[in-house]
C-alpha atoms as a PDB file:
ATOM      1  CA  MET A   1      13.710-118.537 -13.005  1.00  0.00           C
ATOM      2  CA  ALA A   2      16.804-117.082 -11.269  1.00  0.00           C
ATOM      3  CA  LYS A   3      18.051-115.243 -14.480  1.00  0.00           C
ATOM      4  CA  SER A   4      14.569-113.505 -14.960  1.00  0.00           C
ATOM      5  CA  LEU A   5      14.553-112.045 -11.105  1.00  0.00           C
ATOM      6  CA  LYS A   6      17.792-110.566 -11.490  1.00  0.00           C
ATOM      7  CA  LYS A   7      18.094-106.984 -10.540  1.00  0.00           C
ATOM      8  CA  LYS A   8      18.139-104.407 -13.105  1.00  0.00           C
ATOM      9  CA  THR A   9      20.762-102.018 -12.483  1.00  0.00           C
ATOM     10  CA  PRO A  10      20.178 -98.225 -13.838  1.00  0.00           C
ATOM     11  CA  ALA A  11      22.177 -97.015 -16.423  1.00  0.00           C
ATOM     12  CA  PRO A  12      24.914 -94.566 -15.788  1.00  0.00           C
ATOM     13  CA  VAL A  13      23.879 -90.839 -15.744  1.00  0.00           C
ATOM     14  CA  SER A  14      26.446 -88.974 -18.544  1.00  0.00           C
ATOM     15  CA  GLU A  15      28.640 -86.430 -17.124  1.00  0.00           C
ATOM     16  CA  GLY A  16      26.633 -83.733 -19.336  1.00  0.00           C
ATOM     17  CA  THR A  17      23.430 -84.579 -18.052  1.00  0.00           C
ATOM     18  CA  ALA A  18      24.996 -83.752 -14.174  1.00  0.00           C
ATOM     19  CA  ASP A  19      26.363 -80.345 -15.583  1.00  0.00           C
ATOM     20  CA  LEU A  20      23.178 -79.558 -16.805  1.00  0.00           C
ATOM     21  CA  GLU A  21      21.470 -80.535 -13.901  1.00  0.00           C
ATOM     22  CA  LEU A  22      23.345 -78.636 -12.330  1.00  0.00           C
ATOM     23  CA  ALA A  23      23.176 -75.684 -13.837  1.00  0.00           C
ATOM     24  CA  LEU A  24      19.575 -75.732 -13.775  1.00  0.00           C
ATOM     25  CA  ARG A  25      19.515 -75.611 -10.273  1.00  0.00           C
ATOM     26  CA  ALA A  26      22.482 -73.021  -9.819  1.00  0.00           C
ATOM     27  CA  GLN A  27      19.952 -70.966 -12.204  1.00  0.00           C
ATOM     28  CA  GLN A  28      16.743 -71.567 -10.129  1.00  0.00           C
ATOM     29  CA  GLU A  29      19.184 -70.075  -7.214  1.00  0.00           C
ATOM     30  CA  GLU A  30      19.919 -67.024  -9.244  1.00  0.00           C
ATOM     31  CA  ASN A  31      16.169 -66.900 -10.081  1.00  0.00           C
ATOM     32  CA  LYS A  32      15.354 -67.090  -6.737  1.00  0.00           C
ATOM     33  CA  TYR A  33      18.003 -64.643  -5.750  1.00  0.00           C
ATOM     34  CA  LEU A  34      16.830 -62.057  -8.235  1.00  0.00           C
ATOM     35  CA  LEU A  35      12.616 -62.546  -7.509  1.00  0.00           C
ATOM     36  CA  SER A  36      14.207 -61.499  -3.734  1.00  0.00           C
ATOM     37  CA  GLU A  37      16.487 -58.445  -4.754  1.00  0.00           C
ATOM     38  CA  LEU A  38      13.486 -57.253  -7.381  1.00  0.00           C
ATOM     39  CA  GLU A  39      10.958 -57.544  -4.373  1.00  0.00           C
ATOM     40  CA  ASP A  40      13.354 -55.423  -1.955  1.00  0.00           C
ATOM     41  CA  LEU A  41      13.145 -52.867  -5.002  1.00  0.00           C
ATOM     42  CA  ARG A  42       9.859 -53.211  -5.398  1.00  0.00           C
ATOM     43  CA  VAL A  43       9.154 -52.677  -1.435  1.00  0.00           C
ATOM     44  CA  LEU A  44      11.838 -50.034  -1.507  1.00  0.00           C
ATOM     45  CA  TYR A  45      10.156 -47.988  -4.464  1.00  0.00           C
ATOM     46  CA  GLU A  46       6.874 -48.012  -3.011  1.00  0.00           C
ATOM     47  CA  ALA A  47       8.508 -46.749   0.455  1.00  0.00           C
ATOM     48  CA  THR A  48      10.148 -43.983  -1.713  1.00  0.00           C
ATOM     49  CA  ILE A  49       7.100 -42.724  -3.193  1.00  0.00           C
ATOM     50  CA  GLU A  50       5.194 -42.663   0.084  1.00  0.00           C
ATOM     51  CA  HIS A  51       8.210 -40.469   0.810  1.00  0.00           C
ATOM     52  CA  GLY A  52       8.617 -38.658  -1.681  1.00  0.00           C
ATOM     53  CA  GLU A  53       4.648 -37.907  -1.243  1.00  0.00           C
ATOM     54  CA  ALA A  54       5.393 -37.071   2.240  1.00  0.00           C
ATOM     55  CA  VAL A  55       7.899 -34.497   1.319  1.00  0.00           C
ATOM     56  CA  GLU A  56       5.869 -32.950  -1.826  1.00  0.00           C
ATOM     57  CA  ASP A  57       2.691 -32.726   0.782  1.00  0.00           C
ATOM     58  CA  GLN A  58       5.082 -31.383   3.665  1.00  0.00           C
ATOM     59  CA  LEU A  59       6.591 -28.733   1.091  1.00  0.00           C
ATOM     60  CA  ALA A  60       3.242 -27.959   0.036  1.00  0.00           C
ATOM     61  CA  ASP A  61       2.133 -27.075   3.668  1.00  0.00           C
ATOM     62  CA  GLN A  62       5.444 -25.211   4.395  1.00  0.00           C
ATOM     63  CA  SER A  63       4.793 -23.098   1.392  1.00  0.00           C
ATOM     64  CA  THR A  64       1.071 -22.271   2.038  1.00  0.00           C
ATOM     65  CA  ARG A  65       2.361 -21.128   5.402  1.00  0.00           C
ATOM     66  CA  MET A  66       5.431 -19.153   3.625  1.00  0.00           C
ATOM     67  CA  GLU A  67       2.689 -17.529   1.222  1.00  0.00           C
ATOM     68  CA  ASP A  68       0.383 -16.380   4.482  1.00  0.00           C
ATOM     69  CA  LEU A  69       3.242 -14.872   6.445  1.00  0.00           C
ATOM     70  CA  SER A  70       3.945 -13.355   3.422  1.00  0.00           C
ATOM     71  CA  LYS A  71       0.427 -12.096   3.091  1.00  0.00           C
ATOM     72  CA  GLN A  72       0.634 -10.828   6.825  1.00  0.00           C
ATOM     73  CA  LEU A  73       3.771  -8.956   6.404  1.00  0.00           C
ATOM     74  CA  ALA A  74       2.678  -7.478   3.435  1.00  0.00           C
ATOM     75  CA  LYS A  75       0.207  -5.254   5.390  1.00  0.00           C
ATOM     76  CA  TYR A  76       3.241  -3.346   7.320  1.00  0.00           C
ATOM     77  CA  LEU A  77       4.462  -2.327   4.360  1.00  0.00           C
ATOM     78  CA  SER A  78       3.455  -0.198   1.001  1.00  0.00           C
ATOM     79  CA  PRO A  79       2.909  -2.478  -1.823  1.00  0.00           C
ATOM     80  CA  GLN A  80       5.534  -1.044  -4.003  1.00  0.00           C
ATOM     81  CA  VAL A  81       8.307  -1.779  -1.112  1.00  0.00           C
ATOM     82  CA  TYR A  82       7.045  -4.862  -1.027  1.00  0.00           C
ATOM     83  CA  LYS A  83       6.957  -5.968  -4.464  1.00  0.00           C
ATOM     84  CA  SER A  84      10.898  -4.035  -5.004  1.00  0.00           C
ATOM     85  CA  ILE A  85      11.820  -6.328  -1.869  1.00  0.00           C
ATOM     86  CA  PHE A  86      10.500  -9.540  -3.305  1.00  0.00           C
ATOM     87  CA  GLU A  87      11.701  -9.002  -6.860  1.00  0.00           C
ATOM     88  CA  GLY A  88      15.118  -8.545  -5.671  1.00  0.00           C
ATOM     89  CA  SER A  89      14.899  -4.536  -7.405  1.00  0.00           C
ATOM     90  CA  GLN A  90      15.917  -3.081  -3.623  1.00  0.00           C
ATOM     91  CA  GLU A  91      18.005  -4.594  -1.102  1.00  0.00           C
ATOM     92  CA  VAL A  92      17.245  -4.522   2.839  1.00  0.00           C
ATOM     93  CA  THR A  93      20.307  -2.573   3.969  1.00  0.00           C
ATOM     94  CA  ILE A  94      20.889   0.853   5.286  1.00  0.00           C
ATOM     95  CA  THR A  95      20.930   2.709   2.575  1.00  0.00           C
ATOM     96  CA  SER A  96      19.267   6.131   0.593  1.00  0.00           C
ATOM     97  CA  THR A  97      18.949   8.562  -2.286  1.00  0.00           C
ATOM     98  CA  ARG A  98      17.958  12.311  -2.764  1.00  0.00           C
ATOM     99  CA  LYS A  99      14.885  12.168  -4.965  1.00  0.00           C
ATOM    100  CA  LYS A 100      12.505  14.763  -5.817  1.00  0.00           C
ATOM    101  CA  LEU A 101       8.747  14.036  -4.186  1.00  0.00           C
ATOM    102  CA  THR A 102       5.681  14.940  -3.620  1.00  0.00           C
ATOM    103  CA  VAL A 103       4.899  14.785  -0.203  1.00  0.00           C
ATOM    104  CA  PHE A 104       1.228  14.466   1.733  1.00  0.00           C
ATOM    105  CA  PHE A 105       0.431  14.707   5.180  1.00  0.00           C
ATOM    106  CA  SER A 106      -3.388  14.542   6.572  1.00  0.00           C
ATOM    107  CA  ASP A 107      -5.093  14.514  10.094  1.00  0.00           C
ATOM    108  CA  ILE A 108      -8.834  15.112  10.813  1.00  0.00           C
ATOM    109  CA  ALA A 109      -8.883  18.503  12.733  1.00  0.00           C
ATOM    110  CA  GLY A 110     -10.819  18.138  16.062  1.00  0.00           C
ATOM    111  CA  PHE A 111      -9.777  14.435  16.295  1.00  0.00           C
ATOM    112  CA  THR A 112      -9.029  14.531  20.149  1.00  0.00           C
ATOM    113  CA  GLU A 113     -12.022  15.940  21.129  1.00  0.00           C
ATOM    114  CA  THR A 114     -13.845  13.439  19.397  1.00  0.00           C
ATOM    115  CA  ALA A 115     -12.150  10.668  20.495  1.00  0.00           C
ATOM    116  CA  GLU A 116     -13.040  12.015  24.477  1.00  0.00           C
ATOM    117  CA  ARG A 117     -16.210  11.233  23.673  1.00  0.00           C
ATOM    118  CA  LEU A 118     -16.647   8.267  22.124  1.00  0.00           C
ATOM    119  CA  GLU A 119     -15.400   4.388  23.806  1.00  0.00           C
ATOM    120  CA  SER A 120     -12.722   2.830  23.074  1.00  0.00           C
ATOM    121  CA  GLU A 121     -14.281   0.365  20.978  1.00  0.00           C
ATOM    122  CA  GLU A 122     -16.443   3.095  18.912  1.00  0.00           C
ATOM    123  CA  LEU A 123     -13.292   5.206  18.250  1.00  0.00           C
ATOM    124  CA  THR A 124     -11.125   2.131  17.144  1.00  0.00           C
ATOM    125  CA  SER A 125     -13.707   1.301  14.716  1.00  0.00           C
ATOM    126  CA  ILE A 126     -14.057   4.669  13.021  1.00  0.00           C
ATOM    127  CA  LEU A 127     -10.070   5.087  12.795  1.00  0.00           C
ATOM    128  CA  ASN A 128      -9.723   2.056  10.698  1.00  0.00           C
ATOM    129  CA  GLN A 129     -12.311   2.444   8.690  1.00  0.00           C
ATOM    130  CA  TYR A 130     -11.092   5.912   7.733  1.00  0.00           C
ATOM    131  CA  LEU A 131      -7.299   4.598   7.644  1.00  0.00           C
ATOM    132  CA  THR A 132      -9.215   1.682   5.238  1.00  0.00           C
ATOM    133  CA  GLU A 133     -10.972   4.265   2.945  1.00  0.00           C
ATOM    134  CA  MET A 134      -7.951   6.388   2.536  1.00  0.00           C
ATOM    135  CA  SER A 135      -5.733   4.169   1.956  1.00  0.00           C
ATOM    136  CA  LYS A 136      -7.545   2.212  -0.597  1.00  0.00           C
ATOM    137  CA  ILE A 137      -8.106   5.755  -2.227  1.00  0.00           C
ATOM    138  CA  ALA A 138      -3.871   6.262  -2.119  1.00  0.00           C
ATOM    139  CA  LEU A 139      -3.384   2.698  -3.263  1.00  0.00           C
ATOM    140  CA  LYS A 140      -5.708   3.647  -6.104  1.00  0.00           C
ATOM    141  CA  TYR A 141      -3.376   6.102  -7.306  1.00  0.00           C
ATOM    142  CA  GLY A 142      -0.237   4.264  -6.916  1.00  0.00           C
ATOM    143  CA  ALA A 143       1.003   6.421  -3.655  1.00  0.00           C
ATOM    144  CA  THR A 144       3.631   5.042  -1.183  1.00  0.00           C
ATOM    145  CA  ILE A 145       1.885   4.806   2.428  1.00  0.00           C
ATOM    146  CA  ASP A 146       4.404   5.797   5.065  1.00  0.00           C
ATOM    147  CA  LYS A 147       3.229   5.815   8.000  1.00  0.00           C
ATOM    148  CA  TYR A 148       0.337   6.317   9.963  1.00  0.00           C
ATOM    149  CA  VAL A 149       0.440   8.271  13.274  1.00  0.00           C
ATOM    150  CA  GLY A 150      -3.001   8.058  15.054  1.00  0.00           C
ATOM    151  CA  ASP A 151      -5.418   9.947  12.772  1.00  0.00           C
ATOM    152  CA  ALA A 152      -2.546  11.259  10.583  1.00  0.00           C
ATOM    153  CA  ILE A 153      -1.280   9.774   7.251  1.00  0.00           C
ATOM    154  CA  LEU A 154       1.970  10.585   5.451  1.00  0.00           C
ATOM    155  CA  ILE A 155       1.995   9.453   1.608  1.00  0.00           C
ATOM    156  CA  PHE A 156       4.638  10.135  -0.845  1.00  0.00           C
ATOM    157  CA  PHE A 157       4.691   9.792  -4.926  1.00  0.00           C
ATOM    158  CA  GLY A 158       8.265   9.374  -6.826  1.00  0.00           C
ATOM    159  CA  ASP A 159      10.024   6.448  -4.874  1.00  0.00           C
ATOM    160  CA  PRO A 160      10.358   3.437  -5.580  1.00  0.00           C
ATOM    161  CA  GLU A 161       8.137   3.691  -8.701  1.00  0.00           C
ATOM    162  CA  THR A 162       7.764   7.183 -10.386  1.00  0.00           C
ATOM    163  CA  GLN A 163       6.112   8.331 -13.428  1.00  0.00           C
ATOM    164  CA  GLY A 164       7.590  11.918 -13.717  1.00  0.00           C
ATOM    165  CA  VAL A 165       7.567  14.611 -11.013  1.00  0.00           C
ATOM    166  CA  MET A 166       4.729  16.323 -13.078  1.00  0.00           C
ATOM    167  CA  GLU A 167       2.376  13.058 -12.950  1.00  0.00           C
ATOM    168  CA  ASP A 168       3.573  12.174  -9.399  1.00  0.00           C
ATOM    169  CA  ALA A 169       2.214  16.019  -8.593  1.00  0.00           C
ATOM    170  CA  VAL A 170      -1.096  15.496 -10.382  1.00  0.00           C
ATOM    171  CA  ALA A 171      -1.343  11.946  -9.066  1.00  0.00           C
ATOM    172  CA  CYS A 172      -1.292  13.285  -5.762  1.00  0.00           C
ATOM    173  CA  VAL A 173      -3.462  16.166  -5.710  1.00  0.00           C
ATOM    174  CA  ARG A 174      -6.044  14.165  -7.743  1.00  0.00           C
ATOM    175  CA  MET A 175      -5.708  11.442  -4.855  1.00  0.00           C
ATOM    176  CA  ALA A 176      -6.184  13.999  -2.352  1.00  0.00           C
ATOM    177  CA  ILE A 177      -9.662  15.601  -4.313  1.00  0.00           C
ATOM    178  CA  GLU A 178     -11.176  11.760  -3.896  1.00  0.00           C
ATOM    179  CA  MET A 179      -9.846  11.347  -0.530  1.00  0.00           C
ATOM    180  CA  GLN A 180     -12.093  14.936   0.512  1.00  0.00           C
ATOM    181  CA  ASP A 181     -14.893  13.665  -1.480  1.00  0.00           C
ATOM    182  CA  ARG A 182     -14.806  10.238   0.546  1.00  0.00           C
ATOM    183  CA  MET A 183     -15.155  12.161   3.882  1.00  0.00           C
ATOM    184  CA  ALA A 184     -18.238  14.158   2.589  1.00  0.00           C
ATOM    185  CA  GLU A 185     -19.882  10.536   1.924  1.00  0.00           C
ATOM    186  CA  LEU A 186     -18.707   9.244   5.413  1.00  0.00           C
ATOM    187  CA  GLN A 187     -20.136  11.941   7.528  1.00  0.00           C
ATOM    188  CA  ASP A 188     -23.554  10.358   7.634  1.00  0.00           C
ATOM    189  CA  VAL A 189     -21.958   6.940   8.472  1.00  0.00           C
ATOM    190  CA  TRP A 190     -20.042   8.657  11.195  1.00  0.00           C
ATOM    191  CA  ARG A 191     -23.425  10.479  12.264  1.00  0.00           C
ATOM    192  CA  GLU A 192     -25.106   7.157  12.753  1.00  0.00           C
ATOM    193  CA  ALA A 193     -22.157   5.850  14.898  1.00  0.00           C
ATOM    194  CA  GLY A 194     -22.741   9.170  17.129  1.00  0.00           C
ATOM    195  CA  ILE A 195     -20.815  11.741  15.989  1.00  0.00           C
ATOM    196  CA  SER A 196     -22.589  14.573  15.495  1.00  0.00           C
ATOM    197  CA  LYS A 197     -19.480  16.879  14.584  1.00  0.00           C
ATOM    198  CA  PRO A 198     -18.440  16.174  11.370  1.00  0.00           C
ATOM    199  CA  LEU A 199     -15.243  14.828  10.961  1.00  0.00           C
ATOM    200  CA  LYS A 200     -12.959  16.868   8.332  1.00  0.00           C
ATOM    201  CA  CYS A 201      -9.407  16.300   7.160  1.00  0.00           C
ATOM    202  CA  ARG A 202      -6.373  18.994   6.716  1.00  0.00           C
ATOM    203  CA  MET A 203      -4.343  18.021   3.613  1.00  0.00           C
ATOM    204  CA  GLY A 204      -1.282  19.672   3.297  1.00  0.00           C
ATOM    205  CA  ILE A 205       1.078  19.093  -0.408  1.00  0.00           C
ATOM    206  CA  HIS A 206       4.787  20.079  -1.317  1.00  0.00           C
ATOM    207  CA  THR A 207       6.845  18.770  -3.983  1.00  0.00           C
ATOM    208  CA  ASP A 208      10.790  18.831  -3.256  1.00  0.00           C
ATOM    209  CA  TYR A 209      13.922  17.416  -3.079  1.00  0.00           C
ATOM    210  CA  CYS A 210      13.996  14.406  -0.025  1.00  0.00           C
ATOM    211  CA  THR A 211      15.727  11.721   1.188  1.00  0.00           C
ATOM    212  CA  VAL A 212      14.120   8.345   1.038  1.00  0.00           C
ATOM    213  CA  GLY A 213      15.109   4.882   1.539  1.00  0.00           C
ATOM    214  CA  ASN A 214      15.897   2.797   4.810  1.00  0.00           C
ATOM    215  CA  PHE A 215      16.305   4.160   7.882  1.00  0.00           C
ATOM    216  CA  GLY A 216      17.323   2.763  11.390  1.00  0.00           C
ATOM    217  CA  SER A 217      19.698  -0.555  12.853  1.00  0.00           C
ATOM    218  CA  ASN A 218      21.006  -3.647  11.410  1.00  0.00           C
ATOM    219  CA  ASP A 219      18.168  -5.144  13.098  1.00  0.00           C
ATOM    220  CA  ARG A 220      15.063  -2.945  12.747  1.00  0.00           C
ATOM    221  CA  LEU A 221      14.640  -0.501   9.566  1.00  0.00           C
ATOM    222  CA  ASP A 222      12.109   1.864   8.467  1.00  0.00           C
ATOM    223  CA  TYR A 223      11.644   2.709   4.918  1.00  0.00           C
ATOM    224  CA  THR A 224      10.796   6.203   4.826  1.00  0.00           C
ATOM    225  CA  ILE A 225      11.639   9.842   4.218  1.00  0.00           C
ATOM    226  CA  ILE A 226      13.401  12.966   5.139  1.00  0.00           C
ATOM    227  CA  GLY A 227      14.434  16.413   5.229  1.00  0.00           C
ATOM    228  CA  ARG A 228      12.703  19.568   4.124  1.00  0.00           C
ATOM    229  CA  GLY A 229      10.213  18.954   1.772  1.00  0.00           C
ATOM    230  CA  VAL A 230       9.012  16.560   4.595  1.00  0.00           C
ATOM    231  CA  ASN A 231       8.587  19.453   6.851  1.00  0.00           C
ATOM    232  CA  THR A 232       7.154  21.781   5.023  1.00  0.00           C
ATOM    233  CA  ALA A 233       4.330  19.347   4.006  1.00  0.00           C
ATOM    234  CA  SER A 234       3.623  18.644   7.576  1.00  0.00           C
ATOM    235  CA  ARG A 235       3.525  22.795   7.966  1.00  0.00           C
ATOM    236  CA  LEU A 236       1.038  23.290   5.410  1.00  0.00           C
ATOM    237  CA  GLU A 237      -0.943  20.427   6.767  1.00  0.00           C
ATOM    238  CA  ASN A 238      -1.530  22.183  10.179  1.00  0.00           C
ATOM    239  CA  LEU A 239      -2.184  25.335   8.211  1.00  0.00           C
ATOM    240  CA  ALA A 240      -4.907  23.933   5.850  1.00  0.00           C
ATOM    241  CA  ALA A 241      -8.607  24.760   7.293  1.00  0.00           C
ATOM    242  CA  PRO A 242     -10.911  21.715   8.263  1.00  0.00           C
ATOM    243  CA  GLY A 243     -12.013  20.313   4.662  1.00  0.00           C
ATOM    244  CA  SER A 244      -9.133  21.784   2.502  1.00  0.00           C
ATOM    245  CA  ILE A 245      -5.857  21.107   0.802  1.00  0.00           C
ATOM    246  CA  LEU A 246      -3.201  23.410   0.491  1.00  0.00           C
ATOM    247  CA  ILE A 247      -0.253  23.128  -1.943  1.00  0.00           C
ATOM    248  CA  SER A 248       2.929  24.714  -2.314  1.00  0.00           C
ATOM    249  CA  PHE A 249       3.592  26.640  -5.219  1.00  0.00           C
ATOM    250  CA  GLU A 250       6.336  23.857  -6.124  1.00  0.00           C
ATOM    251  CA  THR A 251       3.262  21.479  -6.152  1.00  0.00           C
ATOM    252  CA  PHE A 252       0.693  24.316  -7.876  1.00  0.00           C
ATOM    253  CA  SER A 253       3.924  24.889 -10.767  1.00  0.00           C
ATOM    254  CA  GLN A 254       3.538  21.326 -11.652  1.00  0.00           C
ATOM    255  CA  VAL A 255      -0.456  20.734 -11.302  1.00  0.00           C
ATOM    256  CA  LYS A 256      -1.556  23.863 -12.593  1.00  0.00           C
ATOM    257  CA  ASP A 257      -3.130  22.959 -15.930  1.00  0.00           C
ATOM    258  CA  GLN A 258      -4.721  20.261 -14.548  1.00  0.00           C
ATOM    259  CA  ILE A 259      -6.092  21.261 -10.923  1.00  0.00           C
ATOM    260  CA  GLN A 260      -7.683  24.571 -10.057  1.00  0.00           C
ATOM    261  CA  CYS A 261      -6.096  26.277  -7.239  1.00  0.00           C
ATOM    262  CA  ILE A 262      -6.876  30.023  -5.601  1.00  0.00           C
ATOM    263  CA  ASP A 263      -3.960  31.882  -4.443  1.00  0.00           C
ATOM    264  CA  THR A 264      -4.099  32.020  -0.446  1.00  0.00           C
ATOM    265  CA  GLY A 265      -0.798  34.216  -0.270  1.00  0.00           C
ATOM    266  CA  GLU A 266       2.604  33.617   1.653  1.00  0.00           C
ATOM    267  CA  VAL A 267       3.058  32.189   4.774  1.00  0.00           C
ATOM    268  CA  THR A 268       6.116  31.705   7.933  1.00  0.00           C
ATOM    269  CA  VAL A 269       6.547  28.428   8.663  1.00  0.00           C
ATOM    270  CA  LYS A 270       8.437  27.280  11.641  1.00  0.00           C
ATOM    271  CA  GLY A 271      11.586  26.147  10.494  1.00  0.00           C
ATOM    272  CA  ILE A 272      11.980  27.216   6.873  1.00  0.00           C
ATOM    273  CA  ALA A 273      13.807  30.481   6.699  1.00  0.00           C
ATOM    274  CA  TYR A 274      11.580  32.051   3.724  1.00  0.00           C
ATOM    275  CA  PRO A 275       7.844  32.509   3.062  1.00  0.00           C
ATOM    276  CA  VAL A 276       6.091  29.786   1.611  1.00  0.00           C
ATOM    277  CA  ALA A 277       3.563  30.449  -1.420  1.00  0.00           C
ATOM    278  CA  THR A 278       0.032  28.730  -0.648  1.00  0.00           C
ATOM    279  CA  TYR A 279      -2.602  27.744  -3.374  1.00  0.00           C
ATOM    280  CA  GLU A 280      -5.983  25.981  -2.148  1.00  0.00           C
ATOM    281  CA  VAL A 281      -6.912  23.609  -4.400  1.00  0.00           C
ATOM    282  CA  ILE A 282     -10.791  23.665  -5.758  1.00  0.00           C
ATOM    283  CA  GLY A 283     -11.113  20.984  -7.862  1.00  0.00           C
ATOM    284  CA  LEU A 284     -10.268  19.408 -10.876  1.00  0.00           C
ATOM    285  CA  ARG A 285     -10.254  22.123 -14.014  1.00  0.00           C
ATOM    286  CA  THR A 286     -13.077  21.768 -15.850  1.00  0.00           C
ATOM    287  CA  ASP A 287     -13.244  25.586 -17.499  1.00  0.00           C
ATOM    288  CA  THR A 288     -14.550  25.968 -20.498  1.00  0.00           C
ATOM    289  CA  ALA A 289     -15.449  28.656 -23.147  1.00  0.00           C
ATOM    290  CA  ASP A 290     -17.918  29.614 -20.813  1.00  0.00           C
ATOM    291  CA  GLY A 291     -16.009  29.358 -17.559  1.00  0.00           C
ATOM    292  CA  PRO A 292     -16.195  27.423 -14.665  1.00  0.00           C
ATOM    293  CA  ASP A 293     -19.020  25.163 -14.609  1.00  0.00           C
ATOM    294  CA  LEU A 294     -20.572  26.608 -11.301  1.00  0.00           C
ATOM    295  CA  ASP A 295     -24.219  27.271 -10.303  1.00  0.00           C
ATOM    296  CA  LEU A 296     -23.728  31.204  -9.261  1.00  0.00           C
ATOM    297  CA  ALA A 297     -27.074  31.037  -7.830  1.00  0.00           C
ATOM    298  CA  VAL A 298     -26.166  28.613  -5.010  1.00  0.00           C
ATOM    299  CA  VAL A 299     -22.826  30.058  -4.432  1.00  0.00           C
ATOM    300  CA  SER A 300     -24.330  33.668  -4.253  1.00  0.00           C
ATOM    301  CA  ARG A 301     -26.846  32.088  -1.680  1.00  0.00           C
ATOM    302  CA  GLN A 302     -24.277  29.920   0.336  1.00  0.00           C
ATOM    303  CA  LEU A 303     -22.219  33.332   0.769  1.00  0.00           C
ATOM    304  CA  ASN A 304     -25.460  35.181   2.181  1.00  0.00           C
ATOM    305  CA  GLN A 305     -25.633  32.212   4.606  1.00  0.00           C
ATOM    306  CA  LEU A 306     -22.141  32.344   5.556  1.00  0.00           C
ATOM    307  CA  ALA A 307     -22.262  36.265   6.217  1.00  0.00           C
ATOM    308  CA  LEU A 308     -25.323  35.333   8.021  1.00  0.00           C
ATOM    309  CA  HIS A 309     -24.384  32.743  10.153  1.00  0.00           C
ATOM    310  CA  LEU A 310     -20.684  32.540  10.690  1.00  0.00           C
ATOM    311  CA  PRO A 311     -19.960  30.014  12.898  1.00  0.00           C
ATOM    312  CA  GLY A 312     -18.353  31.241  16.237  1.00  0.00           C
ATOM    313  CA  SER A 313     -16.108  27.814  16.211  1.00  0.00           C
ATOM    314  CA  VAL A 314     -14.406  29.055  13.479  1.00  0.00           C
ATOM    315  CA  SER A 315     -10.422  29.729  13.993  1.00  0.00           C
ATOM    316  CA  SER A 316      -8.579  32.856  13.143  1.00  0.00           C
ATOM    317  CA  GLN A 317      -6.565  30.973  10.681  1.00  0.00           C
ATOM    318  CA  GLU A 318      -9.837  29.493   9.069  1.00  0.00           C
ATOM    319  CA  ARG A 319     -11.330  33.129   8.893  1.00  0.00           C
ATOM    320  CA  GLU A 320      -7.813  34.627   7.415  1.00  0.00           C
ATOM    321  CA  GLN A 321      -8.253  31.687   4.565  1.00  0.00           C
ATOM    322  CA  LEU A 322     -12.123  32.108   3.871  1.00  0.00           C
ATOM    323  CA  ALA A 323     -10.883  35.751   3.919  1.00  0.00           C
ATOM    324  CA  ALA A 324      -8.295  35.366   1.093  1.00  0.00           C
ATOM    325  CA  SER A 325     -10.813  33.005  -0.702  1.00  0.00           C
ATOM    326  CA  LEU A 326     -13.162  35.455  -1.283  1.00  0.00           C
ATOM    327  CA  ARG A 327     -10.696  38.548  -1.832  1.00  0.00           C
ATOM    328  CA  ASN A 328      -9.163  36.600  -4.965  1.00  0.00           C
ATOM    329  CA  ALA A 329     -12.570  35.450  -6.346  1.00  0.00           C
ATOM    330  CA  LEU A 330     -13.684  39.592  -5.575  1.00  0.00           C
ATOM    331  CA  ASP A 331     -10.450  40.266  -7.788  1.00  0.00           C
ATOM    332  CA  ARG A 332     -10.843  37.898 -10.530  1.00  0.00           C
ATOM    333  CA  LEU A 333     -14.638  38.650 -10.714  1.00  0.00           C
ATOM    334  CA  THR A 334     -13.791  42.931 -10.807  1.00  0.00           C
ATOM    335  CA  THR A 335     -11.207  41.989 -13.414  1.00  0.00           C
ATOM    336  CA  THR A 336     -13.572  40.148 -15.487  1.00  0.00           C
ATOM    337  CA  GLN A 337     -16.268  42.950 -15.318  1.00  0.00           C
ATOM    338  CA  SER A 338     -13.828  45.659 -16.331  1.00  0.00           C
END
């Protein structure tokens, strides 16, 4: 009985089994550590993704703001100048070059008198509409809009982009013709706005060498043109009759094959040592074998009305220009008859 109740002692664990258990525990600990590291990496990865998305959203927002700002700044520059700067073809430094350009000046005849009759809000609305309409036409022909000075506009062709001297001059004159046509269309609109006296543009165009580039200081630059050619175009604009386009011989020689003009003689202008030969633009050349496409009956009737009811407000300059045009037409008519 005592023998059967004797306590059995466990068999001793072999040394190999103990090593295996120790290795297993070590592996389990390492797995726990790796799982902890993996969880940390997962958290870090998710945080990185969230941060990356936040940075991406921030960059997209900044890009949108920069694009909006760029569009706003572009309104202060001619599209060609804006494009040349952002494409890197033109540096924003004080620099200039000498080029043959076609220069255009225009203003509204009697605008000061009209301005005095209107409230500032009405005047602002009409002026902005006028400048908008003229600018659309200018950009259509590839013009570089230099500046607006009240109702006056300075435009030039030939820089920073050019199609050639002749093509630039033709584009400038065609632009002026379309501008005058648009002015005639706007008369009804402005009449409804309370302007009883029609607004008419005077335009002057001259082709000459000018200095073009960035002028000013290191802090403030103005992309513009200077020189005798600019002054001549300005003087021609001052001499032009309301509603007309006056060009110099230098421009006429470039456009004569495509633009119909009449010789208005030589004029002496301030700041120019020699007389300037001038021509008034009639329109695009539409000559056929039978002559220009004109309703002579209408022309004759209009001349009779002009002779009977010549407005007293016509200035001496306008009278001289009208007389020159009539003399030119009479000379051609007489020559054709003989």
